[in-house]
């Protein structure tokens, strides 16, 4: 019999980093944020995204993850940056390790986000609103970087 409280995902205490793709999805001057349904950072506001699958390009991952998490369609247009996300447990061991490829995308439709999969809820926020909502400084930095590049597009 397995105790469900001690079952870990294959992403916890990994033997290698996981490649994740974060989507900086724009609709006008607003970016889409989701409240995370799973660790790490469960319950906090973040960018949508997830793990890249074998045989999938980064842009394909962005499109699939956005559809799975929100039901929305995006058109990726740029890799903005790459971020390391390391979460250590109380003993200092690496509990989660992601290499996050942050991709900017335009939202292709005006539909509302319908949260599923890894998202508890979603909201469209200005850059300043997003910076106030997201607890991880790297997320706010990535959103600002994308906004600055977008302004020069």
N, C-alpha and C. Protein backbone atom coordinates (compact mmCIF):
# COMPACT_ATOMS: atom_id res chain seq x y z
N UNK A 1 0.85 -1.18 0.00
CA UNK A 1 0.00 0.00 0.00
C UNK A 1 0.89 1.24 0.00
N UNK A 2 0.58 2.20 -0.86
CA UNK A 2 1.38 3.41 -0.99
C UNK A 2 0.74 4.55 -0.23
N UNK A 3 1.53 5.26 0.55
CA UNK A 3 1.06 6.44 1.24
C UNK A 3 1.10 7.61 0.25
N UNK A 4 -0.07 8.13 -0.12
CA UNK A 4 -0.13 9.18 -1.13
C UNK A 4 0.53 10.48 -0.69
N UNK A 5 0.75 10.62 0.60
CA UNK A 5 1.41 11.84 1.08
C UNK A 5 2.91 11.84 0.80
N UNK A 6 3.48 10.67 0.52
CA UNK A 6 4.92 10.60 0.28
C UNK A 6 5.26 10.32 -1.18
N UNK A 7 4.25 10.17 -2.04
CA UNK A 7 4.50 9.93 -3.45
C UNK A 7 5.04 11.20 -4.08
N UNK A 8 6.13 11.08 -4.81
CA UNK A 8 6.75 12.23 -5.46
C UNK A 8 6.63 12.09 -6.97
N UNK A 9 6.58 13.25 -7.62
CA UNK A 9 6.60 13.22 -9.08
C UNK A 9 8.02 12.91 -9.54
N UNK A 10 8.14 12.51 -10.81
CA UNK A 10 9.47 12.23 -11.34
C UNK A 10 10.30 13.50 -11.51
N UNK A 11 9.69 14.65 -11.28
CA UNK A 11 10.42 15.92 -11.38
C UNK A 11 11.02 16.36 -10.05
N UNK A 12 10.60 15.72 -8.97
CA UNK A 12 11.17 16.05 -7.68
C UNK A 12 12.47 15.29 -7.47
N UNK A 13 13.45 15.97 -6.94
CA UNK A 13 14.79 15.43 -6.70
C UNK A 13 15.32 14.77 -7.98
N UNK A 14 15.40 15.56 -9.04
CA UNK A 14 15.78 15.01 -10.36
C UNK A 14 17.26 14.69 -10.45
N UNK A 15 17.58 13.85 -11.43
CA UNK A 15 18.99 13.55 -11.69
C UNK A 15 19.53 14.43 -12.82
N UNK A 16 18.69 15.30 -13.35
CA UNK A 16 19.08 16.24 -14.39
C UNK A 16 18.05 17.37 -14.40
N UNK A 17 18.40 18.52 -14.96
CA UNK A 17 17.40 19.59 -15.07
C UNK A 17 16.31 19.21 -16.07
N UNK A 18 15.11 19.70 -15.85
CA UNK A 18 14.01 19.57 -16.80
C UNK A 18 13.99 20.83 -17.66
N UNK A 19 13.71 20.67 -18.95
CA UNK A 19 13.54 21.83 -19.83
C UNK A 19 12.08 22.24 -19.78
N UNK A 20 11.85 23.47 -19.39
CA UNK A 20 10.50 24.01 -19.36
C UNK A 20 10.40 25.20 -20.28
N UNK A 21 9.21 25.45 -20.78
CA UNK A 21 8.95 26.61 -21.63
C UNK A 21 7.89 27.47 -20.95
N UNK A 22 8.26 28.72 -20.67
CA UNK A 22 7.31 29.68 -20.13
C UNK A 22 6.79 30.54 -21.26
N UNK A 23 5.50 30.86 -21.19
CA UNK A 23 4.88 31.63 -22.27
C UNK A 23 4.52 33.02 -21.75
N UNK A 24 5.10 34.03 -22.37
CA UNK A 24 4.78 35.42 -22.08
C UNK A 24 3.75 35.81 -23.15
N UNK A 25 2.48 35.53 -22.84
CA UNK A 25 1.40 35.71 -23.81
C UNK A 25 0.82 37.11 -23.68
N UNK A 26 0.83 37.84 -24.79
CA UNK A 26 0.37 39.22 -24.83
C UNK A 26 -0.97 39.34 -25.52
N UNK A 27 -1.81 40.19 -24.97
CA UNK A 27 -3.05 40.66 -25.61
C UNK A 27 -3.05 42.17 -25.40
N UNK A 28 -2.66 42.89 -26.44
CA UNK A 28 -2.48 44.33 -26.29
C UNK A 28 -1.32 44.60 -25.34
N UNK A 29 -1.58 45.40 -24.29
CA UNK A 29 -0.53 45.72 -23.32
C UNK A 29 -0.62 44.85 -22.06
N UNK A 30 -1.37 43.77 -22.15
CA UNK A 30 -1.56 42.89 -20.99
C UNK A 30 -0.95 41.51 -21.23
N UNK A 31 -0.43 40.96 -20.16
CA UNK A 31 0.20 39.64 -20.19
C UNK A 31 -0.66 38.67 -19.37
N UNK A 32 -0.71 37.42 -19.81
CA UNK A 32 -1.51 36.42 -19.11
C UNK A 32 -0.71 35.80 -17.97
N UNK A 33 -1.32 35.78 -16.79
CA UNK A 33 -0.75 35.10 -15.63
C UNK A 33 -1.69 33.98 -15.22
N UNK A 34 -1.11 32.92 -14.68
CA UNK A 34 -1.91 31.83 -14.12
C UNK A 34 -1.49 31.61 -12.67
N UNK A 35 -2.43 31.14 -11.88
CA UNK A 35 -2.10 30.72 -10.52
C UNK A 35 -1.79 29.23 -10.58
N UNK A 36 -0.58 28.87 -10.18
CA UNK A 36 -0.07 27.51 -10.33
C UNK A 36 -0.83 26.50 -9.46
N UNK A 37 -1.17 25.36 -10.05
CA UNK A 37 -1.89 24.31 -9.34
C UNK A 37 -0.96 23.23 -8.79
N UNK A 38 0.32 23.25 -9.20
CA UNK A 38 1.25 22.20 -8.80
C UNK A 38 2.58 22.82 -8.37
N UNK A 39 3.34 22.08 -7.55
CA UNK A 39 4.69 22.54 -7.19
C UNK A 39 5.60 22.54 -8.41
N UNK A 40 6.66 23.29 -8.40
CA UNK A 40 7.02 24.24 -7.35
C UNK A 40 6.21 25.53 -7.45
N UNK A 41 6.20 26.28 -6.40
CA UNK A 41 5.49 27.56 -6.31
C UNK A 41 3.97 27.41 -6.47
N UNK A 42 3.44 26.29 -6.00
CA UNK A 42 2.00 26.03 -6.07
C UNK A 42 1.23 27.16 -5.39
N UNK A 43 0.15 27.60 -6.04
CA UNK A 43 -0.72 28.64 -5.49
C UNK A 43 -0.28 30.06 -5.80
N UNK A 44 0.88 30.23 -6.43
CA UNK A 44 1.36 31.57 -6.74
C UNK A 44 1.09 31.93 -8.20
N UNK A 45 1.09 33.22 -8.48
CA UNK A 45 0.92 33.70 -9.85
C UNK A 45 2.22 33.54 -10.61
N UNK A 46 2.10 33.14 -11.87
CA UNK A 46 3.26 32.88 -12.71
C UNK A 46 2.85 32.96 -14.17
N UNK A 47 3.82 32.75 -15.03
CA UNK A 47 3.53 32.61 -16.46
C UNK A 47 3.07 31.18 -16.72
N UNK A 48 2.19 30.98 -17.69
CA UNK A 48 1.85 29.61 -18.07
C UNK A 48 3.07 28.93 -18.71
N UNK A 49 3.08 27.63 -18.68
CA UNK A 49 4.18 26.90 -19.31
C UNK A 49 4.30 25.51 -18.76
N UNK A 50 5.28 24.79 -19.28
CA UNK A 50 5.49 23.43 -18.82
C UNK A 50 6.64 22.77 -19.54
N UNK A 51 6.79 21.49 -19.28
CA UNK A 51 7.92 20.72 -19.77
C UNK A 51 7.83 20.45 -21.26
N UNK A 52 8.97 20.55 -21.90
CA UNK A 52 9.08 20.23 -23.32
C UNK A 52 9.07 18.71 -23.49
N UNK A 53 8.37 18.23 -24.50
CA UNK A 53 8.34 16.81 -24.83
C UNK A 53 9.38 16.47 -25.88
N UNK A 54 9.83 15.24 -25.89
CA UNK A 54 10.77 14.77 -26.90
C UNK A 54 10.12 14.92 -28.28
N UNK A 55 10.87 15.47 -29.22
CA UNK A 55 10.37 15.64 -30.58
C UNK A 55 9.62 16.93 -30.80
N UNK A 56 9.49 17.74 -29.78
CA UNK A 56 8.73 18.99 -29.85
C UNK A 56 9.70 20.17 -29.89
N UNK A 57 9.43 21.15 -30.73
CA UNK A 57 10.23 22.37 -30.72
C UNK A 57 9.78 23.23 -29.53
N UNK A 58 10.57 24.23 -29.21
CA UNK A 58 10.22 25.15 -28.13
C UNK A 58 8.90 25.85 -28.43
N UNK A 59 8.72 26.31 -29.66
CA UNK A 59 7.48 26.98 -30.02
C UNK A 59 6.29 26.02 -29.97
N UNK A 60 6.47 24.79 -30.40
CA UNK A 60 5.39 23.80 -30.30
C UNK A 60 5.00 23.56 -28.84
N UNK A 61 6.01 23.52 -27.98
CA UNK A 61 5.74 23.36 -26.55
C UNK A 61 4.91 24.53 -26.04
N UNK A 62 5.27 25.75 -26.43
CA UNK A 62 4.54 26.93 -25.99
C UNK A 62 3.07 26.86 -26.41
N UNK A 63 2.82 26.49 -27.65
CA UNK A 63 1.44 26.40 -28.16
C UNK A 63 0.67 25.31 -27.40
N UNK A 64 1.28 24.14 -27.23
CA UNK A 64 0.60 23.02 -26.55
C UNK A 64 0.32 23.36 -25.09
N UNK A 65 1.33 23.87 -24.39
CA UNK A 65 1.15 24.18 -22.97
C UNK A 65 0.08 25.24 -22.75
N UNK A 66 0.06 26.26 -23.60
CA UNK A 66 -0.96 27.30 -23.46
C UNK A 66 -2.36 26.71 -23.67
N UNK A 67 -2.49 25.87 -24.67
CA UNK A 67 -3.78 25.25 -24.93
C UNK A 67 -4.19 24.35 -23.77
N UNK A 68 -3.25 23.55 -23.25
CA UNK A 68 -3.57 22.64 -22.14
C UNK A 68 -3.95 23.39 -20.86
N UNK A 69 -3.25 24.48 -20.57
CA UNK A 69 -3.48 25.18 -19.31
C UNK A 69 -4.64 26.16 -19.36
N UNK A 70 -4.89 26.76 -20.53
CA UNK A 70 -5.88 27.85 -20.59
C UNK A 70 -6.91 27.73 -21.71
N UNK A 71 -6.69 26.82 -22.65
CA UNK A 71 -7.57 26.70 -23.80
C UNK A 71 -7.33 27.76 -24.86
N UNK A 72 -6.36 28.63 -24.66
CA UNK A 72 -6.09 29.72 -25.60
C UNK A 72 -5.04 29.31 -26.64
N UNK A 73 -5.11 29.97 -27.78
CA UNK A 73 -4.15 29.75 -28.86
C UNK A 73 -3.18 30.94 -28.89
N UNK A 74 -1.89 30.63 -28.97
CA UNK A 74 -0.88 31.68 -29.07
C UNK A 74 -0.04 31.47 -30.32
N UNK A 75 0.57 32.58 -30.75
CA UNK A 75 1.51 32.56 -31.87
C UNK A 75 2.87 33.01 -31.32
N UNK A 76 3.76 32.07 -31.04
CA UNK A 76 5.08 32.44 -30.50
C UNK A 76 5.89 33.18 -31.55
N UNK A 77 6.66 34.18 -31.09
CA UNK A 77 7.47 34.93 -32.05
C UNK A 77 8.91 35.18 -31.60
N UNK A 78 9.25 34.89 -30.33
CA UNK A 78 10.61 35.19 -29.90
C UNK A 78 10.97 34.46 -28.62
N UNK A 79 12.21 33.95 -28.56
CA UNK A 79 12.77 33.49 -27.29
C UNK A 79 13.34 34.74 -26.62
N UNK A 80 12.82 35.07 -25.46
CA UNK A 80 13.20 36.29 -24.76
C UNK A 80 14.47 36.07 -23.94
N UNK A 81 14.51 34.99 -23.20
CA UNK A 81 15.67 34.69 -22.35
C UNK A 81 15.55 33.26 -21.83
N UNK A 82 16.57 32.83 -21.13
CA UNK A 82 16.58 31.52 -20.46
C UNK A 82 16.86 31.78 -18.99
N UNK A 83 16.09 31.11 -18.12
CA UNK A 83 16.18 31.31 -16.68
C UNK A 83 16.39 29.97 -15.99
N UNK A 84 17.24 29.95 -14.98
CA UNK A 84 17.40 28.76 -14.15
C UNK A 84 16.46 28.86 -12.96
N UNK A 85 15.70 27.82 -12.71
CA UNK A 85 14.82 27.76 -11.55
C UNK A 85 15.23 26.58 -10.70
N UNK A 86 15.81 26.89 -9.56
CA UNK A 86 16.26 25.87 -8.61
C UNK A 86 15.50 26.04 -7.30
N UNK A 87 14.91 24.95 -6.82
CA UNK A 87 14.24 24.96 -5.53
C UNK A 87 14.91 23.92 -4.67
N UNK A 88 15.38 24.37 -3.51
CA UNK A 88 16.05 23.45 -2.57
C UNK A 88 15.13 23.16 -1.39
N UNK A 89 15.26 21.95 -0.84
CA UNK A 89 14.49 21.60 0.35
C UNK A 89 15.20 22.14 1.60
N UNK A 90 14.64 21.87 2.76
CA UNK A 90 15.20 22.41 4.00
C UNK A 90 16.62 21.93 4.28
N UNK A 91 16.99 20.76 3.74
CA UNK A 91 18.33 20.23 3.94
C UNK A 91 19.32 20.76 2.89
N UNK A 92 18.83 21.52 1.92
CA UNK A 92 19.70 22.08 0.89
C UNK A 92 19.79 21.25 -0.38
N UNK A 93 19.11 20.10 -0.42
CA UNK A 93 19.12 19.26 -1.63
C UNK A 93 18.23 19.90 -2.70
N UNK A 94 18.60 19.70 -3.96
CA UNK A 94 17.81 20.25 -5.06
C UNK A 94 16.53 19.43 -5.20
N UNK A 95 15.41 20.07 -4.90
CA UNK A 95 14.11 19.40 -4.99
C UNK A 95 13.53 19.52 -6.40
N UNK A 96 13.69 20.70 -7.01
CA UNK A 96 13.25 20.94 -8.39
C UNK A 96 14.35 21.70 -9.11
N UNK A 97 14.57 21.35 -10.38
CA UNK A 97 15.55 22.07 -11.20
C UNK A 97 15.01 22.14 -12.62
N UNK A 98 14.69 23.37 -13.04
CA UNK A 98 14.19 23.62 -14.39
C UNK A 98 15.10 24.61 -15.10
N UNK A 99 15.35 24.37 -16.36
CA UNK A 99 15.92 25.36 -17.25
C UNK A 99 14.73 25.87 -18.05
N UNK A 100 14.37 27.13 -17.83
CA UNK A 100 13.15 27.69 -18.42
C UNK A 100 13.49 28.56 -19.62
N UNK A 101 12.95 28.20 -20.75
CA UNK A 101 13.08 28.99 -21.97
C UNK A 101 11.83 29.85 -22.05
N UNK A 102 12.02 31.16 -21.94
CA UNK A 102 10.89 32.10 -21.90
C UNK A 102 10.59 32.61 -23.31
N UNK A 103 9.38 32.32 -23.78
CA UNK A 103 8.97 32.61 -25.15
C UNK A 103 7.85 33.65 -25.15
N UNK A 104 8.04 34.71 -25.93
CA UNK A 104 6.99 35.70 -26.11
C UNK A 104 6.05 35.24 -27.21
N UNK A 105 4.75 35.52 -27.01
CA UNK A 105 3.74 35.08 -27.97
C UNK A 105 2.58 36.07 -27.98
N UNK A 106 1.93 36.17 -29.12
CA UNK A 106 0.69 36.93 -29.21
C UNK A 106 -0.47 35.98 -29.01
N UNK A 107 -1.47 36.41 -28.23
CA UNK A 107 -2.67 35.60 -28.07
C UNK A 107 -3.49 35.76 -29.34
N UNK A 108 -3.86 34.64 -29.93
CA UNK A 108 -4.50 34.64 -31.25
C UNK A 108 -6.02 34.79 -31.19
N UNK A 109 -6.60 34.79 -30.00
CA UNK A 109 -8.05 34.90 -29.92
C UNK A 109 -8.45 35.79 -28.75
N UNK A 110 -9.72 36.18 -28.73
CA UNK A 110 -10.24 37.06 -27.67
C UNK A 110 -11.02 36.28 -26.62
N UNK A 111 -10.96 34.97 -26.65
CA UNK A 111 -11.69 34.14 -25.69
C UNK A 111 -11.11 34.31 -24.29
N UNK A 112 -11.91 33.98 -23.30
CA UNK A 112 -11.43 33.96 -21.92
C UNK A 112 -10.62 32.69 -21.70
N UNK A 113 -9.65 32.78 -20.82
CA UNK A 113 -8.88 31.59 -20.44
C UNK A 113 -9.78 30.67 -19.64
N UNK A 114 -9.73 29.38 -19.96
CA UNK A 114 -10.46 28.35 -19.23
C UNK A 114 -9.40 27.47 -18.58
N UNK A 115 -9.23 27.64 -17.29
CA UNK A 115 -8.14 26.95 -16.60
C UNK A 115 -8.36 25.46 -16.51
N UNK A 116 -7.31 24.75 -16.79
CA UNK A 116 -7.29 23.29 -16.72
C UNK A 116 -5.86 22.88 -16.47
N UNK A 117 -5.61 21.60 -16.33
CA UNK A 117 -4.26 21.08 -16.20
C UNK A 117 -3.55 21.71 -15.02
N UNK A 118 -2.58 22.58 -15.24
CA UNK A 118 -1.74 23.12 -14.16
C UNK A 118 -2.17 24.49 -13.65
N UNK A 119 -3.29 25.03 -14.11
CA UNK A 119 -3.69 26.39 -13.74
C UNK A 119 -4.96 26.38 -12.89
N UNK A 120 -4.93 27.09 -11.77
CA UNK A 120 -6.11 27.22 -10.91
C UNK A 120 -7.00 28.37 -11.37
N UNK A 121 -6.36 29.47 -11.80
CA UNK A 121 -7.08 30.62 -12.33
C UNK A 121 -6.14 31.42 -13.21
N UNK A 122 -6.70 32.35 -13.96
CA UNK A 122 -5.91 33.15 -14.89
C UNK A 122 -6.39 34.59 -14.85
N UNK A 123 -5.47 35.50 -15.19
CA UNK A 123 -5.85 36.91 -15.30
C UNK A 123 -4.92 37.60 -16.29
N UNK A 124 -5.44 38.63 -16.93
CA UNK A 124 -4.64 39.48 -17.81
C UNK A 124 -4.22 40.68 -17.00
N UNK A 125 -2.93 41.00 -17.02
CA UNK A 125 -2.39 42.07 -16.19
C UNK A 125 -1.46 42.97 -16.98
N UNK A 126 -1.42 44.24 -16.61
CA UNK A 126 -0.41 45.12 -17.17
C UNK A 126 0.95 44.68 -16.60
N UNK A 127 2.01 45.23 -17.13
CA UNK A 127 3.35 44.88 -16.64
C UNK A 127 3.47 45.23 -15.16
N UNK A 128 2.99 46.39 -14.76
CA UNK A 128 3.09 46.79 -13.35
C UNK A 128 2.21 45.92 -12.46
N UNK A 129 1.01 45.61 -12.91
CA UNK A 129 0.13 44.71 -12.14
C UNK A 129 0.77 43.33 -11.99
N UNK A 130 1.36 42.83 -13.07
CA UNK A 130 2.01 41.53 -13.02
C UNK A 130 3.16 41.53 -12.02
N UNK A 131 3.96 42.60 -12.03
CA UNK A 131 5.08 42.70 -11.10
C UNK A 131 4.61 42.66 -9.65
N UNK A 132 3.43 43.21 -9.38
CA UNK A 132 2.89 43.19 -8.02
C UNK A 132 2.32 41.82 -7.64
N UNK A 133 1.88 41.05 -8.63
CA UNK A 133 1.26 39.75 -8.36
C UNK A 133 2.26 38.59 -8.26
N UNK A 134 3.29 38.60 -9.07
CA UNK A 134 4.20 37.45 -9.10
C UNK A 134 5.22 37.55 -7.97
N UNK A 135 5.39 36.48 -7.21
CA UNK A 135 6.33 36.54 -6.08
C UNK A 135 7.80 36.33 -6.47
N UNK A 136 8.04 35.71 -7.62
CA UNK A 136 9.41 35.43 -8.02
C UNK A 136 9.91 36.57 -8.89
N UNK A 137 10.95 37.25 -8.46
CA UNK A 137 11.49 38.40 -9.17
C UNK A 137 11.88 38.12 -10.60
N UNK A 138 12.33 36.90 -10.88
CA UNK A 138 12.73 36.55 -12.25
C UNK A 138 11.54 36.62 -13.20
N UNK A 139 10.36 36.25 -12.73
CA UNK A 139 9.17 36.32 -13.59
C UNK A 139 8.86 37.76 -13.95
N UNK A 140 8.90 38.65 -12.97
CA UNK A 140 8.66 40.06 -13.24
C UNK A 140 9.71 40.62 -14.19
N UNK A 141 10.97 40.22 -14.01
CA UNK A 141 12.05 40.69 -14.88
C UNK A 141 11.82 40.24 -16.32
N UNK A 142 11.43 38.99 -16.50
CA UNK A 142 11.20 38.43 -17.83
C UNK A 142 10.04 39.14 -18.52
N UNK A 143 8.99 39.42 -17.78
CA UNK A 143 7.84 40.12 -18.35
C UNK A 143 8.25 41.53 -18.79
N UNK A 144 9.01 42.23 -17.96
CA UNK A 144 9.47 43.58 -18.32
C UNK A 144 10.39 43.54 -19.54
N UNK A 145 11.27 42.57 -19.58
CA UNK A 145 12.18 42.42 -20.72
C UNK A 145 11.39 42.21 -22.01
N UNK A 146 10.38 41.35 -21.95
CA UNK A 146 9.55 41.10 -23.12
C UNK A 146 8.78 42.35 -23.52
N UNK A 147 8.25 43.06 -22.54
CA UNK A 147 7.49 44.30 -22.82
C UNK A 147 8.40 45.33 -23.50
N UNK A 148 9.63 45.46 -23.00
CA UNK A 148 10.57 46.42 -23.60
C UNK A 148 10.89 46.04 -25.05
N UNK A 149 11.13 44.76 -25.28
CA UNK A 149 11.42 44.31 -26.67
C UNK A 149 10.20 44.51 -27.56
N UNK A 150 9.03 44.25 -26.99
CA UNK A 150 7.79 44.39 -27.75
C UNK A 150 7.58 45.84 -28.17
N UNK A 151 7.92 46.76 -27.29
CA UNK A 151 7.76 48.20 -27.58
C UNK A 151 8.66 48.61 -28.74
N UNK A 152 9.79 47.94 -28.89
CA UNK A 152 10.72 48.25 -29.98
C UNK A 152 10.48 47.46 -31.24
N UNK A 153 9.48 46.59 -31.24
CA UNK A 153 9.16 45.73 -32.38
C UNK A 153 8.60 46.47 -33.55
